[in-house]
Amino acid sequence: MSLERRVTNIFDTPYMTYDLDGPVQKDMQLLNLSYNKDTGLGWYVIRMAPGAATIPHTHDSREEYLILEGDLIESDGTVLRKGDFVNYAPGTHHNSRTENGCLLIGLNRTEE
């Protein structure tokens, strides 16, 4: 039996410039773990520099993410910190920003 496995270390693997919300955002970096741009589904890691902010966007699918390092401030003022897990339903409109920098792992998935 052949075992197919891919291991990615999120601290050692080079990140790419972030562009999931449209234009390139140079103060954010993306590590694509399994995210498919065509379907908008899969796993990713985002690293945000201090002061970075996402572009306001609406999710077609469920978005879930876990803050691994730093802080994240949601558009409604909710402050998220290391260890906070966030679950947004499809159709949710928001944006996020960070004051001190942030590292998060996220998943966009279907409702099934």
PDB file of N, CA and C in Angstrom:
ATOM      1  N   MET A   1       0.847  -1.178   0.000  1.00  0.00           N
ATOM      2  CA  MET A   1       0.000   0.000   0.000  1.00  0.00           C
ATOM      3  C   MET A   1       0.890   1.238   0.000  1.00  0.00           C
ATOM      4  N   SER A   2       0.588   2.158  -0.876  1.00  0.00           N
ATOM      5  CA  SER A   2       1.328   3.404  -0.977  1.00  0.00           C
ATOM      6  C   SER A   2       0.629   4.483  -0.148  1.00  0.00           C
ATOM      7  N   LEU A   3       1.392   5.172   0.661  1.00  0.00           N
ATOM      8  CA  LEU A   3       0.847   6.241   1.495  1.00  0.00           C
ATOM      9  C   LEU A   3       1.242   7.572   0.881  1.00  0.00           C
ATOM     10  N   GLU A   4       0.250   8.359   0.492  1.00  0.00           N
ATOM     11  CA  GLU A   4       0.523   9.698  -0.028  1.00  0.00           C
ATOM     12  C   GLU A   4       0.368  10.679   1.109  1.00  0.00           C
ATOM     13  N   ARG A   5       1.411  11.449   1.329  1.00  0.00           N
ATOM     14  CA  ARG A   5       1.396  12.395   2.439  1.00  0.00           C
ATOM     15  C   ARG A   5       2.202  13.620   2.033  1.00  0.00           C
ATOM     16  N   ARG A   6       1.706  14.782   2.426  1.00  0.00           N
ATOM     17  CA  ARG A   6       2.432  16.028   2.238  1.00  0.00           C
ATOM     18  C   ARG A   6       2.499  16.710   3.594  1.00  0.00           C
ATOM     19  N   VAL A   7       3.676  17.042   4.031  1.00  0.00           N
ATOM     20  CA  VAL A   7       3.856  17.722   5.306  1.00  0.00           C
ATOM     21  C   VAL A   7       4.360  19.126   5.020  1.00  0.00           C
ATOM     22  N   THR A   8       3.702  20.126   5.615  1.00  0.00           N
ATOM     23  CA  THR A   8       4.101  21.516   5.472  1.00  0.00           C
ATOM     24  C   THR A   8       4.305  22.095   6.858  1.00  0.00           C
ATOM     25  N   ASN A   9       5.476  22.631   7.124  1.00  0.00           N
ATOM     26  CA  ASN A   9       5.722  23.309   8.390  1.00  0.00           C
ATOM     27  C   ASN A   9       5.438  24.796   8.177  1.00  0.00           C
ATOM     28  N   ILE A  10       4.443  25.320   8.878  1.00  0.00           N
ATOM     29  CA  ILE A  10       4.010  26.704   8.638  1.00  0.00           C
ATOM     30  C   ILE A  10       5.034  27.741   9.103  1.00  0.00           C
ATOM     31  N   PHE A  11       6.041  27.300   9.857  1.00  0.00           N
ATOM     32  CA  PHE A  11       7.073  28.224  10.315  1.00  0.00           C
ATOM     33  C   PHE A  11       8.313  28.206   9.429  1.00  0.00           C
ATOM     34  N   ASP A  12       8.498  27.145   8.633  1.00  0.00           N
ATOM     35  CA  ASP A  12       9.687  27.008   7.784  1.00  0.00           C
ATOM     36  C   ASP A  12       9.414  27.220   6.297  1.00  0.00           C
ATOM     37  N   THR A  13       8.171  27.109   5.865  1.00  0.00           N
ATOM     38  CA  THR A  13       7.827  27.193   4.452  1.00  0.00           C
ATOM     39  C   THR A  13       7.674  28.660   4.036  1.00  0.00           C
ATOM     40  N   PRO A  14       8.242  29.052   2.887  1.00  0.00           N
ATOM     41  CA  PRO A  14       8.090  30.438   2.417  1.00  0.00           C
ATOM     42  C   PRO A  14       6.630  30.777   2.104  1.00  0.00           C
ATOM     43  N   TYR A  15       6.234  31.973   2.470  1.00  0.00           N
ATOM     44  CA  TYR A  15       4.887  32.484   2.201  1.00  0.00           C
ATOM     45  C   TYR A  15       4.908  33.299   0.916  1.00  0.00           C
ATOM     46  N   MET A  16       3.720  33.465   0.321  1.00  0.00           N
ATOM     47  CA  MET A  16       3.550  34.273  -0.876  1.00  0.00           C
ATOM     48  C   MET A  16       2.800  35.547  -0.491  1.00  0.00           C
ATOM     49  N   THR A  17       2.820  36.534  -1.360  1.00  0.00           N
ATOM     50  CA  THR A  17       2.055  37.752  -1.126  1.00  0.00           C
ATOM     51  C   THR A  17       0.569  37.426  -1.152  1.00  0.00           C
ATOM     52  N   TYR A  18      -0.184  38.006  -0.247  1.00  0.00           N
ATOM     53  CA  TYR A  18      -1.618  37.731  -0.089  1.00  0.00           C
ATOM     54  C   TYR A  18      -2.424  38.420  -1.185  1.00  0.00           C
ATOM     55  N   ASP A  19      -3.345  37.674  -1.811  1.00  0.00           N
ATOM     56  CA  ASP A  19      -4.215  38.239  -2.842  1.00  0.00           C
ATOM     57  C   ASP A  19      -5.594  37.579  -2.870  1.00  0.00           C
ATOM     58  N   LEU A  20      -6.035  36.981  -1.758  1.00  0.00           N
ATOM     59  CA  LEU A  20      -7.311  36.254  -1.765  1.00  0.00           C
ATOM     60  C   LEU A  20      -8.524  37.163  -1.922  1.00  0.00           C
ATOM     61  N   ASP A  21      -8.430  38.414  -1.495  1.00  0.00           N
ATOM     62  CA  ASP A  21      -9.577  39.320  -1.574  1.00  0.00           C
ATOM     63  C   ASP A  21      -9.521  40.229  -2.790  1.00  0.00           C
ATOM     64  N   GLY A  22      -8.717  39.877  -3.784  1.00  0.00           N
ATOM     65  CA  GLY A  22      -8.631  40.685  -4.997  1.00  0.00           C
ATOM     66  C   GLY A  22      -7.218  41.184  -5.197  1.00  0.00           C
ATOM     67  N   PRO A  23      -6.975  42.480  -4.939  1.00  0.00           N
ATOM     68  CA  PRO A  23      -5.638  43.024  -5.193  1.00  0.00           C
ATOM     69  C   PRO A  23      -4.603  42.477  -4.209  1.00  0.00           C
ATOM     70  N   VAL A  24      -3.354  42.514  -4.629  1.00  0.00           N
ATOM     71  CA  VAL A  24      -2.239  42.105  -3.782  1.00  0.00           C
ATOM     72  C   VAL A  24      -2.150  43.047  -2.586  1.00  0.00           C
ATOM     73  N   GLN A  25      -1.963  42.455  -1.406  1.00  0.00           N
ATOM     74  CA  GLN A  25      -1.773  43.240  -0.186  1.00  0.00           C
ATOM     75  C   GLN A  25      -0.385  42.908   0.346  1.00  0.00           C
ATOM     76  N   LYS A  26       0.550  43.836   0.197  1.00  0.00           N
ATOM     77  CA  LYS A  26       1.954  43.578   0.504  1.00  0.00           C
ATOM     78  C   LYS A  26       2.240  43.478   2.000  1.00  0.00           C
ATOM     79  N   ASP A  27       1.312  43.912   2.849  1.00  0.00           N
ATOM     80  CA  ASP A  27       1.520  43.809   4.293  1.00  0.00           C
ATOM     81  C   ASP A  27       0.925  42.523   4.863  1.00  0.00           C
ATOM     82  N   MET A  28       0.538  41.615   3.960  1.00  0.00           N
ATOM     83  CA  MET A  28       0.001  40.317   4.365  1.00  0.00           C
ATOM     84  C   MET A  28       0.653  39.234   3.512  1.00  0.00           C
ATOM     85  N   GLN A  29       0.815  38.044   4.094  1.00  0.00           N
ATOM     86  CA  GLN A  29       1.405  36.918   3.376  1.00  0.00           C
ATOM     87  C   GLN A  29       0.497  35.704   3.509  1.00  0.00           C
ATOM     88  N   LEU A  30       0.559  34.841   2.503  1.00  0.00           N
ATOM     89  CA  LEU A  30      -0.298  33.665   2.417  1.00  0.00           C
ATOM     90  C   LEU A  30       0.546  32.411   2.248  1.00  0.00           C
ATOM     91  N   LEU A  31       0.185  31.382   3.001  1.00  0.00           N
ATOM     92  CA  LEU A  31       0.730  30.051   2.784  1.00  0.00           C
ATOM     93  C   LEU A  31      -0.452  29.162   2.424  1.00  0.00           C
ATOM     94  N   ASN A  32      -0.501  28.735   1.185  1.00  0.00           N
ATOM     95  CA  ASN A  32      -1.603  27.906   0.704  1.00  0.00           C
ATOM     96  C   ASN A  32      -1.333  26.456   1.076  1.00  0.00           C
ATOM     97  N   LEU A  33      -2.167  25.907   1.942  1.00  0.00           N
ATOM     98  CA  LEU A  33      -2.023  24.509   2.334  1.00  0.00           C
ATOM     99  C   LEU A  33      -2.826  23.591   1.426  1.00  0.00           C
ATOM    100  N   SER A  34      -4.076  23.977   1.149  1.00  0.00           N
ATOM    101  CA  SER A  34      -4.920  23.197   0.227  1.00  0.00           C
ATOM    102  C   SER A  34      -5.995  24.071  -0.410  1.00  0.00           C
ATOM    103  N   TYR A  35      -5.879  25.377  -0.274  1.00  0.00           N
ATOM    104  CA  TYR A  35      -6.897  26.311  -0.771  1.00  0.00           C
ATOM    105  C   TYR A  35      -6.955  26.292  -2.295  1.00  0.00           C
ATOM    106  N   ASN A  36      -8.178  26.209  -2.833  1.00  0.00           N
ATOM    107  CA  ASN A  36      -8.402  26.204  -4.271  1.00  0.00           C
ATOM    108  C   ASN A  36      -9.071  27.524  -4.651  1.00  0.00           C
ATOM    109  N   LYS A  37      -8.359  28.356  -5.397  1.00  0.00           N
ATOM    110  CA  LYS A  37      -8.915  29.668  -5.774  1.00  0.00           C
ATOM    111  C   LYS A  37     -10.182  29.549  -6.606  1.00  0.00           C
ATOM    112  N   ASP A  38     -10.309  28.495  -7.395  1.00  0.00           N
ATOM    113  CA  ASP A  38     -11.497  28.331  -8.236  1.00  0.00           C
ATOM    114  C   ASP A  38     -12.748  28.041  -7.410  1.00  0.00           C
ATOM    115  N   THR A  39     -12.612  27.213  -6.374  1.00  0.00           N
ATOM    116  CA  THR A  39     -13.778  26.865  -5.545  1.00  0.00           C
ATOM    117  C   THR A  39     -13.904  27.754  -4.316  1.00  0.00           C
ATOM    118  N   GLY A  40     -12.801  28.407  -3.924  1.00  0.00           N
ATOM    119  CA  GLY A  40     -12.805  29.220  -2.706  1.00  0.00           C
ATOM    120  C   GLY A  40     -12.796  28.380  -1.443  1.00  0.00           C
ATOM    121  N   LEU A  41     -12.403  27.113  -1.549  1.00  0.00           N
ATOM    122  CA  LEU A  41     -12.428  26.200  -0.409  1.00  0.00           C
ATOM    123  C   LEU A  41     -11.026  25.687  -0.108  1.00  0.00           C
ATOM    124  N   GLY A  42     -10.779  25.383   1.161  1.00  0.00           N
ATOM    125  CA  GLY A  42      -9.523  24.772   1.558  1.00  0.00           C
ATOM    126  C   GLY A  42      -8.849  25.502   2.702  1.00  0.00           C
ATOM    127  N   TRP A  43      -7.687  24.967   3.079  1.00  0.00           N
ATOM    128  CA  TRP A  43      -6.891  25.466   4.201  1.00  0.00           C
ATOM    129  C   TRP A  43      -5.835  26.466   3.729  1.00  0.00           C
ATOM    130  N   TYR A  44      -5.522  27.428   4.600  1.00  0.00           N
ATOM    131  CA  TYR A  44      -4.499  28.432   4.326  1.00  0.00           C
ATOM    132  C   TYR A  44      -3.985  28.992   5.647  1.00  0.00           C
ATOM    133  N   VAL A  45      -2.826  29.622   5.598  1.00  0.00           N
ATOM    134  CA  VAL A  45      -2.265  30.345   6.733  1.00  0.00           C
ATOM    135  C   VAL A  45      -2.039  31.768   6.263  1.00  0.00           C
ATOM    136  N   ILE A  46      -2.408  32.729   7.105  1.00  0.00           N
ATOM    137  CA  ILE A  46      -2.212  34.141   6.789  1.00  0.00           C
ATOM    138  C   ILE A  46      -1.343  34.765   7.867  1.00  0.00           C
ATOM    139  N   ARG A  47      -0.322  35.497   7.414  1.00  0.00           N
ATOM    140  CA  ARG A  47       0.532  36.268   8.308  1.00  0.00           C
ATOM    141  C   ARG A  47       0.310  37.748   7.968  1.00  0.00           C
ATOM    142  N   MET A  48      -0.105  38.516   8.969  1.00  0.00           N
ATOM    143  CA  MET A  48      -0.391  39.933   8.782  1.00  0.00           C
ATOM    144  C   MET A  48       0.639  40.762   9.547  1.00  0.00           C
ATOM    145  N   ALA A  49       1.241  41.732   8.879  1.00  0.00           N
ATOM    146  CA  ALA A  49       2.189  42.633   9.524  1.00  0.00           C
ATOM    147  C   ALA A  49       1.419  43.587  10.444  1.00  0.00           C
ATOM    148  N   PRO A  50       2.085  44.161  11.440  1.00  0.00           N
ATOM    149  CA  PRO A  50       1.414  45.155  12.284  1.00  0.00           C
ATOM    150  C   PRO A  50       0.770  46.249  11.426  1.00  0.00           C
ATOM    151  N   GLY A  51      -0.486  46.569  11.724  1.00  0.00           N
ATOM    152  CA  GLY A  51      -1.217  47.600  10.986  1.00  0.00           C
ATOM    153  C   GLY A  51      -1.944  47.115   9.745  1.00  0.00           C
ATOM    154  N   ALA A  52      -1.777  45.863   9.354  1.00  0.00           N
ATOM    155  CA  ALA A  52      -2.418  45.330   8.144  1.00  0.00           C
ATOM    156  C   ALA A  52      -3.923  45.164   8.355  1.00  0.00           C
ATOM    157  N   ALA A  53      -4.669  45.239   7.255  1.00  0.00           N
ATOM    158  CA  ALA A  53      -6.128  45.052   7.292  1.00  0.00           C
ATOM    159  C   ALA A  53      -6.576  44.345   6.028  1.00  0.00           C
ATOM    160  N   THR A  54      -7.543  43.450   6.181  1.00  0.00           N
ATOM    161  CA  THR A  54      -8.128  42.796   5.012  1.00  0.00           C
ATOM    162  C   THR A  54      -9.098  43.756   4.335  1.00  0.00           C
ATOM    163  N   ILE A  55      -9.377  43.516   3.089  1.00  0.00           N
ATOM    164  CA  ILE A  55     -10.380  44.271   2.340  1.00  0.00           C
ATOM    165  C   ILE A  55     -11.749  43.738   2.754  1.00  0.00           C
ATOM    166  N   PRO A  56     -12.734  44.607   3.013  1.00  0.00           N
ATOM    167  CA  PRO A  56     -14.073  44.099   3.358  1.00  0.00           C
ATOM    168  C   PRO A  56     -14.551  43.119   2.283  1.00  0.00           C
ATOM    169  N   HIS A  57     -15.102  41.988   2.741  1.00  0.00           N
ATOM    170  CA  HIS A  57     -15.501  40.931   1.813  1.00  0.00           C
ATOM    171  C   HIS A  57     -16.670  40.141   2.377  1.00  0.00           C
ATOM    172  N   THR A  58     -17.393  39.452   1.490  1.00  0.00           N
ATOM    173  CA  THR A  58     -18.510  38.596   1.868  1.00  0.00           C
ATOM    174  C   THR A  58     -18.134  37.165   1.521  1.00  0.00           C
ATOM    175  N   HIS A  59     -18.386  36.258   2.449  1.00  0.00           N
ATOM    176  CA  HIS A  59     -18.014  34.857   2.249  1.00  0.00           C
ATOM    177  C   HIS A  59     -19.130  34.069   1.582  1.00  0.00           C
ATOM    178  N   ASP A  60     -18.777  33.345   0.523  1.00  0.00           N
ATOM    179  CA  ASP A  60     -19.711  32.442  -0.147  1.00  0.00           C
ATOM    180  C   ASP A  60     -19.845  31.137   0.631  1.00  0.00           C
ATOM    181  N   SER A  61     -18.817  30.793   1.380  1.00  0.00           N
ATOM    182  CA  SER A  61     -18.797  29.539   2.139  1.00  0.00           C
ATOM    183  C   SER A  61     -18.561  29.848   3.615  1.00  0.00           C
ATOM    184  N   ARG A  62     -18.574  28.811   4.436  1.00  0.00           N
ATOM    185  CA  ARG A  62     -18.252  28.975   5.850  1.00  0.00           C
ATOM    186  C   ARG A  62     -16.764  29.244   5.982  1.00  0.00           C
ATOM    187  N   GLU A  63     -16.410  30.218   6.813  1.00  0.00           N
ATOM    188  CA  GLU A  63     -15.007  30.523   7.087  1.00  0.00           C
ATOM    189  C   GLU A  63     -14.743  30.259   8.563  1.00  0.00           C
ATOM    190  N   GLU A  64     -13.669  29.513   8.822  1.00  0.00           N
ATOM    191  CA  GLU A  64     -13.260  29.249  10.199  1.00  0.00           C
ATOM    192  C   GLU A  64     -11.769  29.544  10.295  1.00  0.00           C
ATOM    193  N   TYR A  65     -11.358  30.149  11.402  1.00  0.00           N
ATOM    194  CA  TYR A  65      -9.929  30.344  11.591  1.00  0.00           C
ATOM    195  C   TYR A  65      -9.562  30.377  13.059  1.00  0.00           C
ATOM    196  N   LEU A  66      -8.293  30.061  13.317  1.00  0.00           N
ATOM    197  CA  LEU A  66      -7.734  30.000  14.653  1.00  0.00           C
ATOM    198  C   LEU A  66      -6.552  30.962  14.709  1.00  0.00           C
ATOM    199  N   ILE A  67      -6.569  31.861  15.700  1.00  0.00           N
ATOM    200  CA  ILE A  67      -5.470  32.799  15.877  1.00  0.00           C
ATOM    201  C   ILE A  67      -4.320  32.045  16.557  1.00  0.00           C
ATOM    202  N   LEU A  68      -3.169  31.980  15.887  1.00  0.00           N
ATOM    203  CA  LEU A  68      -2.002  31.283  16.425  1.00  0.00           C
ATOM    204  C   LEU A  68      -1.060  32.220  17.171  1.00  0.00           C
ATOM    205  N   GLU A  69      -0.975  33.461  16.690  1.00  0.00           N
ATOM    206  CA  GLU A  69      -0.110  34.468  17.299  1.00  0.00           C
ATOM    207  C   GLU A  69      -0.730  35.838  17.075  1.00  0.00           C
ATOM    208  N   GLY A  70      -0.481  36.767  17.982  1.00  0.00           N
ATOM    209  CA  GLY A  70      -0.851  38.163  17.787  1.00  0.00           C
ATOM    210  C   GLY A  70      -2.298  38.467  18.103  1.00  0.00           C
ATOM    211  N   ASP A  71      -2.792  39.533  17.458  1.00  0.00           N
ATOM    212  CA  ASP A  71      -4.157  40.003  17.676  1.00  0.00           C
ATOM    213  C   ASP A  71      -4.846  40.244  16.344  1.00  0.00           C
ATOM    214  N   LEU A  72      -6.170  40.188  16.362  1.00  0.00           N
ATOM    215  CA  LEU A  72      -6.978  40.485  15.186  1.00  0.00           C
ATOM    216  C   LEU A  72      -8.217  41.215  15.676  1.00  0.00           C
ATOM    217  N   ILE A  73      -8.540  42.324  15.034  1.00  0.00           N
ATOM    218  CA  ILE A  73      -9.695  43.126  15.429  1.00  0.00           C
ATOM    219  C   ILE A  73     -10.703  43.073  14.288  1.00  0.00           C
ATOM    220  N   GLU A  74     -11.889  42.570  14.597  1.00  0.00           N
ATOM    221  CA  GLU A  74     -12.932  42.424  13.593  1.00  0.00           C
ATOM    222  C   GLU A  74     -13.642  43.773  13.371  1.00  0.00           C
ATOM    223  N   SER A  75     -14.358  43.882  12.256  1.00  0.00           N
ATOM    224  CA  SER A  75     -15.000  45.148  11.888  1.00  0.00           C
ATOM    225  C   SER A  75     -16.044  45.611  12.899  1.00  0.00           C
ATOM    226  N   ASP A  76     -16.565  44.694  13.729  1.00  0.00           N
ATOM    227  CA  ASP A  76     -17.514  45.104  14.770  1.00  0.00           C
ATOM    228  C   ASP A  76     -16.816  45.474  16.078  1.00  0.00           C
ATOM    229  N   GLY A  77     -15.461  45.467  16.078  1.00  0.00           N
ATOM    230  CA  GLY A  77     -14.703  45.849  17.256  1.00  0.00           C
ATOM    231  C   GLY A  77     -14.260  44.696  18.135  1.00  0.00           C
ATOM    232  N   THR A  78     -14.693  43.479  17.834  1.00  0.00           N
ATOM    233  CA  THR A  78     -14.285  42.316  18.623  1.00  0.00           C
ATOM    234  C   THR A  78     -12.780  42.108  18.485  1.00  0.00           C
ATOM    235  N   VAL A  79     -12.100  41.996  19.622  1.00  0.00           N
ATOM    236  CA  VAL A  79     -10.653  41.777  19.625  1.00  0.00           C
ATOM    237  C   VAL A  79     -10.388  40.294  19.855  1.00  0.00           C
ATOM    238  N   LEU A  80      -9.667  39.688  18.933  1.00  0.00           N
ATOM    239  CA  LEU A  80      -9.320  38.271  19.007  1.00  0.00           C
ATOM    240  C   LEU A  80      -7.845  38.145  19.346  1.00  0.00           C
ATOM    241  N   ARG A  81      -7.519  37.120  20.137  1.00  0.00           N
ATOM    242  CA  ARG A  81      -6.150  36.878  20.555  1.00  0.00           C
ATOM    243  C   ARG A  81      -5.769  35.418  20.340  1.00  0.00           C
ATOM    244  N   LYS A  82      -4.513  35.119  20.580  1.00  0.00           N
ATOM    245  CA  LYS A  82      -3.980  33.764  20.456  1.00  0.00           C
ATOM    246  C   LYS A  82      -4.914  32.767  21.123  1.00  0.00           C
ATOM    247  N   GLY A  83      -5.300  31.733  20.357  1.00  0.00           N
ATOM    248  CA  GLY A  83      -6.182  30.690  20.877  1.00  0.00           C
ATOM    249  C   GLY A  83      -7.644  30.880  20.539  1.00  0.00           C
ATOM    250  N   ASP A  84      -8.037  32.061  20.058  1.00  0.00           N
ATOM    251  CA  ASP A  84      -9.448  32.288  19.698  1.00  0.00           C
ATOM    252  C   ASP A  84      -9.760  31.618  18.364  1.00  0.00           C
ATOM    253  N   PHE A  85     -10.876  30.876  18.346  1.00  0.00           N
ATOM    254  CA  PHE A  85     -11.369  30.204  17.145  1.00  0.00           C
ATOM    255  C   PHE A  85     -12.619  30.942  16.681  1.00  0.00           C
ATOM    256  N   VAL A  86     -12.665  31.280  15.397  1.00  0.00           N
ATOM    257  CA  VAL A  86     -13.751  32.065  14.827  1.00  0.00           C
ATOM    258  C   VAL A  86     -14.466  31.227  13.770  1.00  0.00           C
ATOM    259  N   ASN A  87     -15.797  31.321  13.752  1.00  0.00           N
ATOM    260  CA  ASN A  87     -16.609  30.583  12.797  1.00  0.00           C
ATOM    261  C   ASN A  87     -17.619  31.560  12.200  1.00  0.00           C
ATOM    262  N   TYR A  88     -17.480  31.852  10.918  1.00  0.00           N
ATOM    263  CA  TYR A  88     -18.393  32.749  10.201  1.00  0.00           C
ATOM    264  C   TYR A  88     -19.276  31.949   9.248  1.00  0.00           C
ATOM    265  N   ALA A  89     -20.569  32.195   9.291  1.00  0.00           N
ATOM    266  CA  ALA A  89     -21.519  31.544   8.389  1.00  0.00           C
ATOM    267  C   ALA A  89     -21.392  32.117   6.970  1.00  0.00           C
ATOM    268  N   PRO A  90     -21.790  31.333   5.964  1.00  0.00           N
ATOM    269  CA  PRO A  90     -21.826  31.863   4.598  1.00  0.00           C
ATOM    270  C   PRO A  90     -22.684  33.126   4.554  1.00  0.00           C
ATOM    271  N   GLY A  91     -22.266  34.078   3.726  1.00  0.00           N
ATOM    272  CA  GLY A  91     -22.993  35.331   3.603  1.00  0.00           C
ATOM    273  C   GLY A  91     -22.516  36.408   4.553  1.00  0.00           C
ATOM    274  N   THR A  92     -21.616  36.064   5.466  1.00  0.00           N
ATOM    275  CA  THR A  92     -21.087  37.035   6.419  1.00  0.00           C
ATOM    276  C   THR A  92     -20.203  38.037   5.695  1.00  0.00           C
ATOM    277  N   HIS A  93     -20.385  39.305   6.044  1.00  0.00           N
ATOM    278  CA  HIS A  93     -19.581  40.390   5.476  1.00  0.00           C
ATOM    279  C   HIS A  93     -18.759  41.003   6.609  1.00  0.00           C
ATOM    280  N   HIS A  94     -17.449  41.083   6.422  1.00  0.00           N
ATOM    281  CA  HIS A  94     -16.587  41.651   7.463  1.00  0.00           C
ATOM    282  C   HIS A  94     -15.224  41.997   6.883  1.00  0.00           C
ATOM    283  N   ASN A  95     -14.419  42.614   7.728  1.00  0.00           N
ATOM    284  CA  ASN A  95     -12.988  42.711   7.469  1.00  0.00           C
ATOM    285  C   ASN A  95     -12.285  42.659   8.810  1.00  0.00           C
ATOM    286  N   SER A  96     -10.986  42.424   8.768  1.00  0.00           N
ATOM    287  CA  SER A  96     -10.192  42.257   9.978  1.00  0.00           C
ATOM    288  C   SER A  96      -8.935  43.099   9.860  1.00  0.00           C
ATOM    289  N   ARG A  97      -8.443  43.540  11.004  1.00  0.00           N
ATOM    290  CA  ARG A  97      -7.187  44.294  11.021  1.00  0.00           C
ATOM    291  C   ARG A  97      -6.393  43.868  12.250  1.00  0.00           C
ATOM    292  N   THR A  98      -5.117  44.191  12.254  1.00  0.00           N
ATOM    293  CA  THR A  98      -4.272  43.865  13.394  1.00  0.00           C
ATOM    294  C   THR A  98      -3.441  45.075  13.781  1.00  0.00           C
ATOM    295  N   GLU A  99      -3.253  45.267  15.053  1.00  0.00           N
ATOM    296  CA  GLU A  99      -2.386  46.338  15.523  1.00  0.00           C
ATOM    297  C   GLU A  99      -0.947  45.857  15.675  1.00  0.00           C
ATOM    298  N   ASN A 100      -0.762  44.640  16.161  1.00  0.00           N
ATOM    299  CA  ASN A 100       0.564  44.135  16.507  1.00  0.00           C
ATOM    300  C   ASN A 100       1.063  43.013  15.612  1.00  0.00           C
ATOM    301  N   GLY A 101       0.274  42.629  14.620  1.00  0.00           N
ATOM    302  CA  GLY A 101       0.614  41.508  13.760  1.00  0.00           C
ATOM    303  C   GLY A 101      -0.206  40.287  14.156  1.00  0.00           C
ATOM    304  N   CYS A 102      -0.386  39.374  13.214  1.00  0.00           N
ATOM    305  CA  CYS A 102      -1.232  38.213  13.456  1.00  0.00           C
ATOM    306  C   CYS A 102      -0.799  37.058  12.564  1.00  0.00           C
ATOM    307  N   LEU A 103      -0.899  35.858  13.117  1.00  0.00           N
ATOM    308  CA  LEU A 103      -0.715  34.630  12.353  1.00  0.00           C
ATOM    309  C   LEU A 103      -1.938  33.780  12.621  1.00  0.00           C
ATOM    310  N   LEU A 104      -2.616  33.359  11.560  1.00  0.00           N
ATOM    311  CA  LEU A 104      -3.816  32.536  11.727  1.00  0.00           C
ATOM    312  C   LEU A 104      -3.844  31.435  10.695  1.00  0.00           C
ATOM    313  N   ILE A 105      -4.511  30.348  11.046  1.00  0.00           N
ATOM    314  CA  ILE A 105      -4.751  29.261  10.107  1.00  0.00           C
ATOM    315  C   ILE A 105      -6.246  29.232   9.850  1.00  0.00           C
ATOM    316  N   GLY A 106      -6.631  29.171   8.577  1.00  0.00           N
ATOM    317  CA  GLY A 106      -8.040  29.252   8.215  1.00  0.00           C
ATOM    318  C   GLY A 106      -8.478  28.146   7.283  1.00  0.00           C
ATOM    319  N   LEU A 107      -9.787  27.965   7.262  1.00  0.00           N
ATOM    320  CA  LEU A 107     -10.420  26.985   6.391  1.00  0.00           C
ATOM    321  C   LEU A 107     -11.717  27.572   5.871  1.00  0.00           C
ATOM    322  N   ASN A 108     -11.883  27.556   4.574  1.00  0.00           N
ATOM    323  CA  ASN A 108     -13.162  27.866   3.938  1.00  0.00           C
ATOM    324  C   ASN A 108     -13.744  26.526   3.506  1.00  0.00           C
ATOM    325  N   ARG A 109     -14.990  26.251   3.936  1.00  0.00           N
ATOM    326  CA  ARG A 109     -15.568  24.937   3.656  1.00  0.00           C
ATOM    327  C   ARG A 109     -17.052  25.053   3.359  1.00  0.00           C
ATOM    328  N   THR A 110     -17.593  23.985   2.798  1.00  0.00           N
ATOM    329  CA  THR A 110     -19.040  23.912   2.558  1.00  0.00           C
ATOM    330  C   THR A 110     -19.726  23.579   3.860  1.00  0.00           C
ATOM    331  N   GLU A 111     -21.040  23.635   3.877  1.00  0.00           N
ATOM    332  CA  GLU A 111     -21.825  23.373   5.077  1.00  0.00           C
ATOM    333  C   GLU A 111     -21.938  21.892   5.408  1.00  0.00           C
ATOM    334  N   GLU A 112     -21.541  21.027   4.516  1.00  0.00           N
ATOM    335  CA  GLU A 112     -21.705  19.578   4.740  1.00  0.00           C
ATOM    336  C   GLU A 112     -20.816  19.064   5.828  1.00  0.00           C
TER     337      GLU A 112
END
